[in-house]
Every structure is written in structure tokens, then in C-alpha cells.
Amino acid sequence: MQVPLWLALIIVGYLGVKLIRPPAWLVAVLLLGGFLLADSVLAPAIDSFLK
């Protein structure tokens, strides 16, 4: 069974918020920070570090 990545991320995110109950500001900072880092000059460095 193949699940699209966006659907898997939505499910994991929903379960994480429901089970761990992080503050809303922390969720917003992580989402915004990840979005901004993905399109920055640091993206290639982060990508090579994670591989």
C-alpha cells in the first residue's frame, strides 16, 4: 500500500498534536521555520547534513 507523503505528514502531525499537546506557538514556529529554511540558501547544507 502506497500512501502519499502529504497524507502521511498530515496524519502524523494530527496524532502528534493530539497525543503530545504542544503549545500552538511551538507548532506555528516549527511549521514556519521549516517552510522558510526549505527555500533558503541553507537548504543545500541541511540536505547534505541529513543524508
C-alpha atoms as a PDB file:
ATOM      1  CA  MET A   1       0.000   0.000   0.000  1.00  0.00           C
ATOM      2  CA  GLN A   2       1.437   3.358  -1.010  1.00  0.00           C
ATOM      3  CA  VAL A   3       0.423   6.457   0.921  1.00  0.00           C
ATOM      4  CA  PRO A   4       1.206   9.937  -0.425  1.00  0.00           C
ATOM      5  CA  LEU A   5       3.776  11.840   1.633  1.00  0.00           C
ATOM      6  CA  TRP A   6       1.442  14.772   2.275  1.00  0.00           C
ATOM      7  CA  LEU A   7      -1.210  12.447   3.692  1.00  0.00           C
ATOM      8  CA  ALA A   8       1.287  10.669   5.941  1.00  0.00           C
ATOM      9  CA  LEU A   9       2.563  14.027   7.244  1.00  0.00           C
ATOM     10  CA  ILE A  10      -0.959  15.216   7.987  1.00  0.00           C
ATOM     11  CA  ILE A  11      -1.751  12.018   9.901  1.00  0.00           C
ATOM     12  CA  VAL A  12       1.497  12.056  11.889  1.00  0.00           C
ATOM     13  CA  GLY A  13       1.086  15.759  12.638  1.00  0.00           C
ATOM     14  CA  TYR A  14      -2.503  15.323  13.768  1.00  0.00           C
ATOM     15  CA  LEU A  15      -1.615  12.408  16.050  1.00  0.00           C
ATOM     16  CA  GLY A  16       1.392  14.273  17.436  1.00  0.00           C
ATOM     17  CA  VAL A  17      -0.692  17.317  18.330  1.00  0.00           C
ATOM     18  CA  LYS A  18      -3.453  15.190  19.849  1.00  0.00           C
ATOM     19  CA  LEU A  19      -1.151  12.917  21.888  1.00  0.00           C
ATOM     20  CA  ILE A  20       1.666  15.253  22.950  1.00  0.00           C
ATOM     21  CA  ARG A  21      -0.344  18.514  23.148  1.00  0.00           C
ATOM     22  CA  PRO A  22       2.408  21.007  22.261  1.00  0.00           C
ATOM     23  CA  PRO A  23       1.632  24.727  22.548  1.00  0.00           C
ATOM     24  CA  ALA A  24       0.140  26.296  19.417  1.00  0.00           C
ATOM     25  CA  TRP A  25       3.006  28.810  19.140  1.00  0.00           C
ATOM     26  CA  LEU A  26       5.537  25.959  19.011  1.00  0.00           C
ATOM     27  CA  VAL A  27       3.669  24.244  16.180  1.00  0.00           C
ATOM     28  CA  ALA A  28       3.470  27.546  14.271  1.00  0.00           C
ATOM     29  CA  VAL A  29       7.187  28.277  14.767  1.00  0.00           C
ATOM     30  CA  LEU A  30       8.209  24.804  13.590  1.00  0.00           C
ATOM     31  CA  LEU A  31       5.989  24.949  10.508  1.00  0.00           C
ATOM     32  CA  LEU A  32       7.029  28.478   9.555  1.00  0.00           C
ATOM     33  CA  GLY A  33      10.696  27.810  10.300  1.00  0.00           C
ATOM     34  CA  GLY A  34      10.720  24.650   8.210  1.00  0.00           C
ATOM     35  CA  PHE A  35       8.984  26.411   5.345  1.00  0.00           C
ATOM     36  CA  LEU A  36      11.460  29.300   5.409  1.00  0.00           C
ATOM     37  CA  LEU A  37      14.519  27.044   5.725  1.00  0.00           C
ATOM     38  CA  ALA A  38      13.428  24.889   2.799  1.00  0.00           C
ATOM     39  CA  ASP A  39      13.655  27.865   0.447  1.00  0.00           C
ATOM     40  CA  SER A  40      16.785  29.497   1.887  1.00  0.00           C
ATOM     41  CA  VAL A  41      20.465  29.380   0.986  1.00  0.00           C
ATOM     42  CA  LEU A  42      20.941  26.932   3.865  1.00  0.00           C
ATOM     43  CA  ALA A  43      18.759  24.279   2.216  1.00  0.00           C
ATOM     44  CA  PRO A  44      21.634  22.504   0.365  1.00  0.00           C
ATOM     45  CA  ALA A  45      23.728  22.389   3.532  1.00  0.00           C
ATOM     46  CA  ILE A  46      20.868  20.982   5.573  1.00  0.00           C
ATOM     47  CA  ASP A  47      20.078  18.461   2.850  1.00  0.00           C
ATOM     48  CA  SER A  48      23.652  17.177   2.709  1.00  0.00           C
ATOM     49  CA  PHE A  49      23.806  17.024   6.516  1.00  0.00           C
ATOM     50  CA  LEU A  50      20.634  14.934   6.723  1.00  0.00           C
ATOM     51  CA  LYS A  51      21.733  12.419   4.086  1.00  0.00           C
END
